[in-house]
Every structure is written in structure tokens, then in C-alpha cells.
Amino acid sequence: MSILQFKAVSKTFSSVTEHIQVLDAIDLSIAPGDFVAIMGPSGSGKSTLLGIAAGLDQPTQGKVILDGIDLSIANEKALAELRRDRIGFVFQNFQLLPGFTALENVALPLFLKSEHSETQILEKAREYLRKVGMEHRQSHFPRQLSGGEEQRIAIARSFVNEPRILFADEPTANLDSKNSQIVLELLETKNKESRTTLVLVTHDPDVAKRATRIIQIKDGKILPEFEEKKKEIKPNSKRTKR
């Protein structure tokens, strides 16, 4: 059983003078609850793969099935509902709306669903701000926040709809080591406690080691010898409370 499948997926970008193949006949299957790290050098196709997996881009060839929906034949309305109801996405550059407060940014996906009252929506948004330790910043605008605070708020926004699958594109790339650890622990907790499938693109081996499965991509192809199937992650017995 898979929550995400790639079947012979290729992606080519074309211009007047050349054709650039970014993904080359990718076959990939990810099970519900997996924590998958995708690694590869710059230009290898890893971010393109992530965008296609989330329905933000379309392959040139092949088929992508996400949570039972064939993205290649789904119309824009179905894709919008899928992204709204079942997918979370954490961007490298946070993508918070500058004219909205932290609370409003987190609440936005719930307002788009329009199933609850404003009071219910704002209370749930506050709940997720509490979970990422940012409730005290709920009235602040993005320009008033540090990069680590922005990313934690972006994670709260991605969690608020309780997605079945969460995509993260270099979520720690712009953060210092302390905030990187906070962000990774938030993502890991969501994966373990809620069994939310986590697919994360990173260039950092230390980040990838936290995953239960590592996939390396090079020149648009997955390298089978780098794929680690369901490795067991042991608790860090040396971690101490402060």
C-alpha cells in the first residue's frame, strides 16, 4: 500500500535551443507514515520531484498517484481540494503572507475550507501556534520575526489542516543550528505521533540521517544503491533534559 507512487515519471524543460531533462523515468513508492529524505546535488531534480509529488507541477511523461488520486488526470478543482485537505508544504523561504499576522497566516488554510466559524478557526490556529512555541508571536507580522520564528509559523500553517502527507523543501537551509534542530524535531514529532507521511528534500546528511528512508537522486535518476529501506531509528539515550 502506497500513499505516493511515481510511475515512469519524466520532466523536461524546453526552450528554443535545448531540451533539459530534469527527471528521467522515475519509479518510486512511499508508504503511509514513512519519513523519506531525498538528497542530491544542486540541479539533480530533487525539488522538481517534490513539486510534482505535491501536485504543484506536472510531469512531461508518466503518472503520479497521491493518496489514491491520479494527479495526471485530476482537474484543477480536484488538485486544489487535494492540496487544501490532505497536503502540507513547508518551503525553504517560509512563504508567509507579509500583510497577515502569524495567527492569520496559520488560520488561512482553515478559512479556505469554510467549514467552521471564525472563532473555531482562530482557536485551532492558536492551538498549532502553541505546539510550535509561537503563541506569544500571534499578533506579529513576518517582518517582525526571525527566520527561525517564521519557519516555525510556516510549519504550524502546514500542520493546521492535519494533512496525510507533508512535503518540506530544504526546511532548515536558512536557519542556524539551534532553530534547525527545533524545526526538525517538530517535523519528526508530527511524523511519529500522527503518522503523517513526511517527504523532505535536503542537501544535509545530518538532516537525512533522521529519516527512516533515504533516497539519493542524480542527473534526474534515483540511485538504487543509496536507498535505505525502513532503517530503525534508535532513541538518543544521551539526550538530557534541561
C-alpha atoms as a PDB file:
ATOM      1  CA  MET A   1       0.000   0.000   0.000  1.00  0.00           C
ATOM      2  CA  SER A   2       1.397   3.393  -1.025  1.00  0.00           C
ATOM      3  CA  ILE A   3       0.358   6.943  -0.306  1.00  0.00           C
ATOM      4  CA  LEU A   4       2.574   8.218  -3.139  1.00  0.00           C
ATOM      5  CA  GLN A   5       3.593   6.486  -6.366  1.00  0.00           C
ATOM      6  CA  PHE A   6       5.683   7.647  -9.306  1.00  0.00           C
ATOM      7  CA  LYS A   7       5.335   5.519 -12.430  1.00  0.00           C
ATOM      8  CA  ALA A   8       7.959   6.227 -15.113  1.00  0.00           C
ATOM      9  CA  VAL A   9       7.834   9.954 -14.369  1.00  0.00           C
ATOM     10  CA  SER A  10       9.946  12.253 -16.542  1.00  0.00           C
ATOM     11  CA  LYS A  11      10.161  16.027 -16.638  1.00  0.00           C
ATOM     12  CA  THR A  12      11.678  18.026 -19.471  1.00  0.00           C
ATOM     13  CA  PHE A  13      12.054  21.778 -19.761  1.00  0.00           C
ATOM     14  CA  SER A  14      12.265  23.022 -23.324  1.00  0.00           C
ATOM     15  CA  SER A  15      13.454  26.239 -24.897  1.00  0.00           C
ATOM     16  CA  VAL A  16      14.097  27.315 -28.472  1.00  0.00           C
ATOM     17  CA  THR A  17      17.653  25.988 -28.356  1.00  0.00           C
ATOM     18  CA  GLU A  18      17.604  22.999 -26.000  1.00  0.00           C
ATOM     19  CA  HIS A  19      15.707  20.385 -24.039  1.00  0.00           C
ATOM     20  CA  ILE A  20      16.744  19.769 -20.437  1.00  0.00           C
ATOM     21  CA  GLN A  21      15.627  16.510 -18.865  1.00  0.00           C
ATOM     22  CA  VAL A  22      15.328  17.090 -15.127  1.00  0.00           C
ATOM     23  CA  LEU A  23      13.684  13.764 -14.204  1.00  0.00           C
ATOM     24  CA  ASP A  24      14.260  10.558 -16.162  1.00  0.00           C
ATOM     25  CA  ALA A  25      11.692   7.744 -15.849  1.00  0.00           C
ATOM     26  CA  ILE A  26      11.413   7.851 -12.047  1.00  0.00           C
ATOM     27  CA  ASP A  27       9.710   4.915 -10.322  1.00  0.00           C
ATOM     28  CA  LEU A  28       9.064   5.452  -6.636  1.00  0.00           C
ATOM     29  CA  SER A  29       6.678   4.221  -3.965  1.00  0.00           C
ATOM     30  CA  ILE A  30       6.260   5.727  -0.490  1.00  0.00           C
ATOM     31  CA  ALA A  31       4.196   4.056   2.231  1.00  0.00           C
ATOM     32  CA  PRO A  32       1.887   5.862   4.673  1.00  0.00           C
ATOM     33  CA  GLY A  33       3.767   7.047   7.739  1.00  0.00           C
ATOM     34  CA  ASP A  34       7.213   6.976   6.110  1.00  0.00           C
ATOM     35  CA  PHE A  35       9.795   9.696   6.769  1.00  0.00           C
ATOM     36  CA  VAL A  36      11.707   9.961   3.498  1.00  0.00           C
ATOM     37  CA  ALA A  37      14.711  12.195   2.861  1.00  0.00           C
ATOM     38  CA  ILE A  38      15.563  12.991  -0.764  1.00  0.00           C
ATOM     39  CA  MET A  39      19.171  14.007  -1.336  1.00  0.00           C
ATOM     40  CA  GLY A  40      21.185  15.064  -4.355  1.00  0.00           C
ATOM     41  CA  PRO A  41      23.459  17.777  -5.716  1.00  0.00           C
ATOM     42  CA  SER A  42      22.147  21.104  -6.972  1.00  0.00           C
ATOM     43  CA  GLY A  43      20.318  20.578 -10.257  1.00  0.00           C
ATOM     44  CA  SER A  44      19.763  16.866  -9.679  1.00  0.00           C
ATOM     45  CA  GLY A  45      15.964  17.196  -9.869  1.00  0.00           C
ATOM     46  CA  LYS A  46      15.055  16.705  -6.218  1.00  0.00           C
ATOM     47  CA  SER A  47      12.996  19.907  -5.823  1.00  0.00           C
ATOM     48  CA  THR A  48      11.273  19.256  -9.158  1.00  0.00           C
ATOM     49  CA  LEU A  49      10.373  15.779  -7.930  1.00  0.00           C
ATOM     50  CA  LEU A  50       8.920  17.254  -4.742  1.00  0.00           C
ATOM     51  CA  GLY A  51       6.839  19.825  -6.632  1.00  0.00           C
ATOM     52  CA  ILE A  52       5.414  17.148  -8.926  1.00  0.00           C
ATOM     53  CA  ALA A  53       4.668  14.881  -5.944  1.00  0.00           C
ATOM     54  CA  ALA A  54       2.666  17.675  -4.303  1.00  0.00           C
ATOM     55  CA  GLY A  55       0.716  18.469  -7.457  1.00  0.00           C
ATOM     56  CA  LEU A  56       2.381  21.871  -7.845  1.00  0.00           C
ATOM     57  CA  ASP A  57       3.859  20.865 -11.213  1.00  0.00           C
ATOM     58  CA  GLN A  58       3.041  18.321 -13.902  1.00  0.00           C
ATOM     59  CA  PRO A  59       5.373  15.670 -15.348  1.00  0.00           C
ATOM     60  CA  THR A  60       6.120  15.607 -19.054  1.00  0.00           C
ATOM     61  CA  GLN A  61       5.561  11.843 -19.059  1.00  0.00           C
ATOM     62  CA  GLY A  62       4.417   9.232 -16.570  1.00  0.00           C
ATOM     63  CA  LYS A  63       1.892   9.051 -13.784  1.00  0.00           C
ATOM     64  CA  VAL A  64       1.774  10.262 -10.164  1.00  0.00           C
ATOM     65  CA  ILE A  65      -0.776   8.810  -7.761  1.00  0.00           C
ATOM     66  CA  LEU A  66      -1.172  10.638  -4.451  1.00  0.00           C
ATOM     67  CA  ASP A  67      -3.481   9.225  -1.798  1.00  0.00           C
ATOM     68  CA  GLY A  68      -5.429   7.339  -4.450  1.00  0.00           C
ATOM     69  CA  ILE A  69      -5.760  10.283  -6.857  1.00  0.00           C
ATOM     70  CA  ASP A  70      -4.093  10.214 -10.276  1.00  0.00           C
ATOM     71  CA  LEU A  71      -2.620  13.719 -10.494  1.00  0.00           C
ATOM     72  CA  SER A  72      -2.118  13.441 -14.250  1.00  0.00           C
ATOM     73  CA  ILE A  73      -5.861  13.383 -14.942  1.00  0.00           C
ATOM     74  CA  ALA A  74      -7.208  15.365 -11.966  1.00  0.00           C
ATOM     75  CA  ASN A  75      -8.682  18.752 -12.864  1.00  0.00           C
ATOM     76  CA  GLU A  76      -7.593  21.974 -11.155  1.00  0.00           C
ATOM     77  CA  LYS A  77     -10.538  21.914  -8.751  1.00  0.00           C
ATOM     78  CA  ALA A  78      -9.664  18.400  -7.585  1.00  0.00           C
ATOM     79  CA  LEU A  79      -5.983  19.347  -7.245  1.00  0.00           C
ATOM     80  CA  ALA A  80      -6.862  22.446  -5.225  1.00  0.00           C
ATOM     81  CA  GLU A  81      -9.043  20.384  -2.870  1.00  0.00           C
ATOM     82  CA  LEU A  82      -6.295  17.770  -2.511  1.00  0.00           C
ATOM     83  CA  ARG A  83      -3.685  20.399  -1.622  1.00  0.00           C
ATOM     84  CA  ARG A  84      -6.116  22.082   0.762  1.00  0.00           C
ATOM     85  CA  ASP A  85      -7.364  18.971   2.563  1.00  0.00           C
ATOM     86  CA  ARG A  86      -4.600  16.343   2.527  1.00  0.00           C
ATOM     87  CA  ILE A  87      -1.246  18.016   1.809  1.00  0.00           C
ATOM     88  CA  GLY A  88       1.030  20.238   3.850  1.00  0.00           C
ATOM     89  CA  PHE A  89       4.029  22.010   2.299  1.00  0.00           C
ATOM     90  CA  VAL A  90       6.945  23.673   4.081  1.00  0.00           C
ATOM     91  CA  PHE A  91       9.009  25.964   1.847  1.00  0.00           C
ATOM     92  CA  GLN A  92      12.671  26.894   2.233  1.00  0.00           C
ATOM     93  CA  ASN A  93      11.761  30.599   2.190  1.00  0.00           C
ATOM     94  CA  PHE A  94       8.748  30.272   4.520  1.00  0.00           C
ATOM     95  CA  GLN A  95       6.183  31.856   2.109  1.00  0.00           C
ATOM     96  CA  LEU A  96       4.272  33.684   4.839  1.00  0.00           C
ATOM     97  CA  LEU A  97       1.940  36.445   3.658  1.00  0.00           C
ATOM     98  CA  PRO A  98       3.567  39.740   4.731  1.00  0.00           C
ATOM     99  CA  GLY A  99       0.297  41.595   5.374  1.00  0.00           C
ATOM    100  CA  PHE A 100      -1.065  38.875   7.685  1.00  0.00           C
ATOM    101  CA  THR A 101      -0.187  38.298  11.328  1.00  0.00           C
ATOM    102  CA  ALA A 102       1.261  34.978  12.464  1.00  0.00           C
ATOM    103  CA  LEU A 103      -2.200  33.887  13.643  1.00  0.00           C
ATOM    104  CA  GLU A 104      -3.822  34.863  10.350  1.00  0.00           C
ATOM    105  CA  ASN A 105      -1.139  33.044   8.332  1.00  0.00           C
ATOM    106  CA  VAL A 106      -1.738  29.850  10.276  1.00  0.00           C
ATOM    107  CA  ALA A 107      -5.528  30.206  10.094  1.00  0.00           C
ATOM    108  CA  LEU A 108      -5.619  30.851   6.336  1.00  0.00           C
ATOM    109  CA  PRO A 109      -5.953  27.195   5.204  1.00  0.00           C
ATOM    110  CA  LEU A 110      -8.901  26.768   7.561  1.00  0.00           C
ATOM    111  CA  PHE A 111     -10.628  29.898   6.255  1.00  0.00           C
ATOM    112  CA  LEU A 112     -10.291  28.482   2.733  1.00  0.00           C
ATOM    113  CA  LYS A 113     -12.214  25.386   3.822  1.00  0.00           C
ATOM    114  CA  SER A 114     -15.012  27.498   5.373  1.00  0.00           C
ATOM    115  CA  GLU A 115     -16.350  24.595   7.450  1.00  0.00           C
ATOM    116  CA  HIS A 116     -16.024  26.233  10.858  1.00  0.00           C
ATOM    117  CA  SER A 117     -16.844  29.532  12.486  1.00  0.00           C
ATOM    118  CA  GLU A 118     -14.187  32.251  12.728  1.00  0.00           C
ATOM    119  CA  THR A 119     -13.925  31.650  16.471  1.00  0.00           C
ATOM    120  CA  GLN A 120     -13.293  27.920  15.941  1.00  0.00           C
ATOM    121  CA  ILE A 121     -10.740  28.595  13.208  1.00  0.00           C
ATOM    122  CA  LEU A 122      -8.750  31.097  15.253  1.00  0.00           C
ATOM    123  CA  GLU A 123      -8.734  28.832  18.297  1.00  0.00           C
ATOM    124  CA  LYS A 124      -7.374  25.931  16.247  1.00  0.00           C
ATOM    125  CA  ALA A 125      -4.732  28.231  14.738  1.00  0.00           C
ATOM    126  CA  ARG A 126      -3.712  29.287  18.264  1.00  0.00           C
ATOM    127  CA  GLU A 127      -3.501  25.615  19.252  1.00  0.00           C
ATOM    128  CA  TYR A 128      -0.979  24.971  16.492  1.00  0.00           C
ATOM    129  CA  LEU A 129       0.972  28.108  17.336  1.00  0.00           C
ATOM    130  CA  ARG A 130       1.215  26.728  20.882  1.00  0.00           C
ATOM    131  CA  LYS A 131       2.502  23.415  19.543  1.00  0.00           C
ATOM    132  CA  VAL A 132       5.404  25.160  17.800  1.00  0.00           C
ATOM    133  CA  GLY A 133       6.051  27.518  20.729  1.00  0.00           C
ATOM    134  CA  MET A 134       4.911  30.644  18.869  1.00  0.00           C
ATOM    135  CA  GLU A 135       1.638  31.627  20.557  1.00  0.00           C
ATOM    136  CA  HIS A 136       3.339  34.691  22.055  1.00  0.00           C
ATOM    137  CA  ARG A 137       4.042  35.900  18.499  1.00  0.00           C
ATOM    138  CA  GLN A 138       0.487  35.511  17.193  1.00  0.00           C
ATOM    139  CA  SER A 139      -0.031  39.267  16.602  1.00  0.00           C
ATOM    140  CA  HIS A 140       3.349  39.833  14.929  1.00  0.00           C
ATOM    141  CA  PHE A 141       3.824  40.268  11.184  1.00  0.00           C
ATOM    142  CA  PRO A 142       6.516  38.286   9.301  1.00  0.00           C
ATOM    143  CA  ARG A 143       8.824  41.334   9.121  1.00  0.00           C
ATOM    144  CA  GLN A 144       8.860  41.367  12.934  1.00  0.00           C
ATOM    145  CA  LEU A 145      10.018  37.749  13.215  1.00  0.00           C
ATOM    146  CA  SER A 146      13.366  35.985  12.952  1.00  0.00           C
ATOM    147  CA  GLY A 147      13.928  33.332  10.294  1.00  0.00           C
ATOM    148  CA  GLY A 148      13.533  30.538  12.825  1.00  0.00           C
ATOM    149  CA  GLU A 149      10.263  32.028  14.087  1.00  0.00           C
ATOM    150  CA  GLU A 150       8.954  32.396  10.525  1.00  0.00           C
ATOM    151  CA  GLN A 151       9.727  28.764   9.739  1.00  0.00           C
ATOM    152  CA  ARG A 152       8.028  27.525  12.916  1.00  0.00           C
ATOM    153  CA  ILE A 153       4.925  29.524  11.999  1.00  0.00           C
ATOM    154  CA  ALA A 154       5.082  28.136   8.463  1.00  0.00           C
ATOM    155  CA  ILE A 155       5.178  24.633   9.975  1.00  0.00           C
ATOM    156  CA  ALA A 156       2.153  25.428  12.155  1.00  0.00           C
ATOM    157  CA  ARG A 157       0.329  26.523   8.993  1.00  0.00           C
ATOM    158  CA  SER A 158       1.270  23.289   7.236  1.00  0.00           C
ATOM    159  CA  PHE A 159       0.027  21.228  10.228  1.00  0.00           C
ATOM    160  CA  VAL A 160      -3.247  23.039  10.862  1.00  0.00           C
ATOM    161  CA  ASN A 161      -5.257  21.023   8.312  1.00  0.00           C
ATOM    162  CA  GLU A 162      -3.809  17.791   9.767  1.00  0.00           C
ATOM    163  CA  PRO A 163      -2.520  16.610   6.359  1.00  0.00           C
ATOM    164  CA  ARG A 164      -1.961  12.974   5.470  1.00  0.00           C
ATOM    165  CA  ILE A 165       1.321  13.855   3.774  1.00  0.00           C
ATOM    166  CA  LEU A 166       3.756  16.702   4.410  1.00  0.00           C
ATOM    167  CA  PHE A 167       6.344  17.899   1.887  1.00  0.00           C
ATOM    168  CA  ALA A 168       9.305  20.019   3.001  1.00  0.00           C
ATOM    169  CA  ASP A 169      11.807  21.647   0.620  1.00  0.00           C
ATOM    170  CA  GLU A 170      15.110  22.351   2.416  1.00  0.00           C
ATOM    171  CA  PRO A 171      13.198  23.478   5.555  1.00  0.00           C
ATOM    172  CA  THR A 172      16.377  24.176   7.551  1.00  0.00           C
ATOM    173  CA  ALA A 173      18.537  25.705   4.816  1.00  0.00           C
ATOM    174  CA  ASN A 174      18.119  29.301   6.026  1.00  0.00           C
ATOM    175  CA  LEU A 175      18.288  28.561   9.744  1.00  0.00           C
ATOM    176  CA  ASP A 176      21.036  28.414  12.343  1.00  0.00           C
ATOM    177  CA  SER A 177      21.808  25.120  14.083  1.00  0.00           C
ATOM    178  CA  LYS A 178      19.548  25.777  17.088  1.00  0.00           C
ATOM    179  CA  ASN A 179      16.488  26.630  15.005  1.00  0.00           C
ATOM    180  CA  SER A 180      17.265  23.786  12.592  1.00  0.00           C
ATOM    181  CA  GLN A 181      17.025  21.327  15.489  1.00  0.00           C
ATOM    182  CA  ILE A 182      13.732  22.833  16.651  1.00  0.00           C
ATOM    183  CA  VAL A 183      12.234  22.617  13.154  1.00  0.00           C
ATOM    184  CA  LEU A 184      13.404  19.027  12.596  1.00  0.00           C
ATOM    185  CA  GLU A 185      12.034  17.921  15.954  1.00  0.00           C
ATOM    186  CA  LEU A 186       8.649  19.471  15.116  1.00  0.00           C
ATOM    187  CA  LEU A 187       8.548  17.603  11.802  1.00  0.00           C
ATOM    188  CA  GLU A 188       9.651  14.322  13.405  1.00  0.00           C
ATOM    189  CA  THR A 189       7.054  14.643  16.158  1.00  0.00           C
ATOM    190  CA  LYS A 190       4.268  15.108  13.604  1.00  0.00           C
ATOM    191  CA  ASN A 191       5.506  12.080  11.673  1.00  0.00           C
ATOM    192  CA  LYS A 192       5.687   9.844  14.747  1.00  0.00           C
ATOM    193  CA  GLU A 193       2.631  10.973  16.706  1.00  0.00           C
ATOM    194  CA  SER A 194       0.157  11.448  13.858  1.00  0.00           C
ATOM    195  CA  ARG A 195       1.710   9.014  11.344  1.00  0.00           C
ATOM    196  CA  THR A 196       1.818  11.873   8.854  1.00  0.00           C
ATOM    197  CA  THR A 197       3.955  10.856   5.895  1.00  0.00           C
ATOM    198  CA  LEU A 198       6.949  13.197   5.631  1.00  0.00           C
ATOM    199  CA  VAL A 199       8.893  13.717   2.393  1.00  0.00           C
ATOM    200  CA  LEU A 200      11.810  16.088   2.858  1.00  0.00           C
ATOM    201  CA  VAL A 201      14.378  17.426   0.380  1.00  0.00           C
ATOM    202  CA  THR A 202      17.760  18.226   1.885  1.00  0.00           C
ATOM    203  CA  HIS A 203      21.420  18.575   0.971  1.00  0.00           C
ATOM    204  CA  ASP A 204      22.484  17.996   4.593  1.00  0.00           C
ATOM    205  CA  PRO A 205      23.496  14.405   5.511  1.00  0.00           C
ATOM    206  CA  ASP A 206      22.849  15.100   9.208  1.00  0.00           C
ATOM    207  CA  VAL A 207      19.241  16.019   8.390  1.00  0.00           C
ATOM    208  CA  ALA A 208      18.818  12.980   6.142  1.00  0.00           C
ATOM    209  CA  LYS A 209      20.071  10.619   8.858  1.00  0.00           C
ATOM    210  CA  ARG A 210      16.957  11.409  10.893  1.00  0.00           C
ATOM    211  CA  ALA A 211      14.738   9.867   8.202  1.00  0.00           C
ATOM    212  CA  THR A 212      13.666   6.224   8.102  1.00  0.00           C
ATOM    213  CA  ARG A 213      14.454   6.075   4.392  1.00  0.00           C
ATOM    214  CA  ILE A 214      16.998   7.957   2.303  1.00  0.00           C
ATOM    215  CA  ILE A 215      16.742   8.333  -1.474  1.00  0.00           C
ATOM    216  CA  GLN A 216      19.533   9.888  -3.486  1.00  0.00           C
ATOM    217  CA  ILE A 217      18.891  11.376  -6.897  1.00  0.00           C
ATOM    218  CA  LYS A 218      21.488  12.305  -9.501  1.00  0.00           C
ATOM    219  CA  ASP A 219      21.028  13.563 -13.055  1.00  0.00           C
ATOM    220  CA  GLY A 220      17.287  13.000 -12.743  1.00  0.00           C
ATOM    221  CA  LYS A 221      17.547   9.352 -11.701  1.00  0.00           C
ATOM    222  CA  ILE A 222      17.243   7.572  -8.369  1.00  0.00           C
ATOM    223  CA  LEU A 223      20.416   5.721  -7.421  1.00  0.00           C
ATOM    224  CA  PRO A 224      19.229   2.354  -6.001  1.00  0.00           C
ATOM    225  CA  GLU A 225      22.451   1.719  -4.098  1.00  0.00           C
ATOM    226  CA  PHE A 226      21.757   4.802  -1.944  1.00  0.00           C
ATOM    227  CA  GLU A 227      18.219   3.822  -0.978  1.00  0.00           C
ATOM    228  CA  GLU A 228      17.769   2.671   2.605  1.00  0.00           C
ATOM    229  CA  LYS A 229      14.632   0.709   3.316  1.00  0.00           C
ATOM    230  CA  LYS A 230      12.914   1.212   6.672  1.00  0.00           C
ATOM    231  CA  LYS A 231      16.000   1.533   8.830  1.00  0.00           C
ATOM    232  CA  GLU A 232      15.304   1.526  12.558  1.00  0.00           C
ATOM    233  CA  ILE A 233      15.936   4.815  14.359  1.00  0.00           C
ATOM    234  CA  LYS A 234      17.063   4.292  17.936  1.00  0.00           C
ATOM    235  CA  PRO A 235      16.288   6.886  20.624  1.00  0.00           C
ATOM    236  CA  ASN A 236      19.154   9.149  21.589  1.00  0.00           C
ATOM    237  CA  SER A 237      19.946   7.851  25.042  1.00  0.00           C
ATOM    238  CA  LYS A 238      22.462  10.634  25.622  1.00  0.00           C
ATOM    239  CA  ARG A 239      19.880  13.401  25.343  1.00  0.00           C
ATOM    240  CA  THR A 240      19.452  15.130  28.680  1.00  0.00           C
ATOM    241  CA  LYS A 241      16.707  17.336  29.964  1.00  0.00           C
ATOM    242  CA  ARG A 242      17.383  20.986  30.600  1.00  0.00           C
END
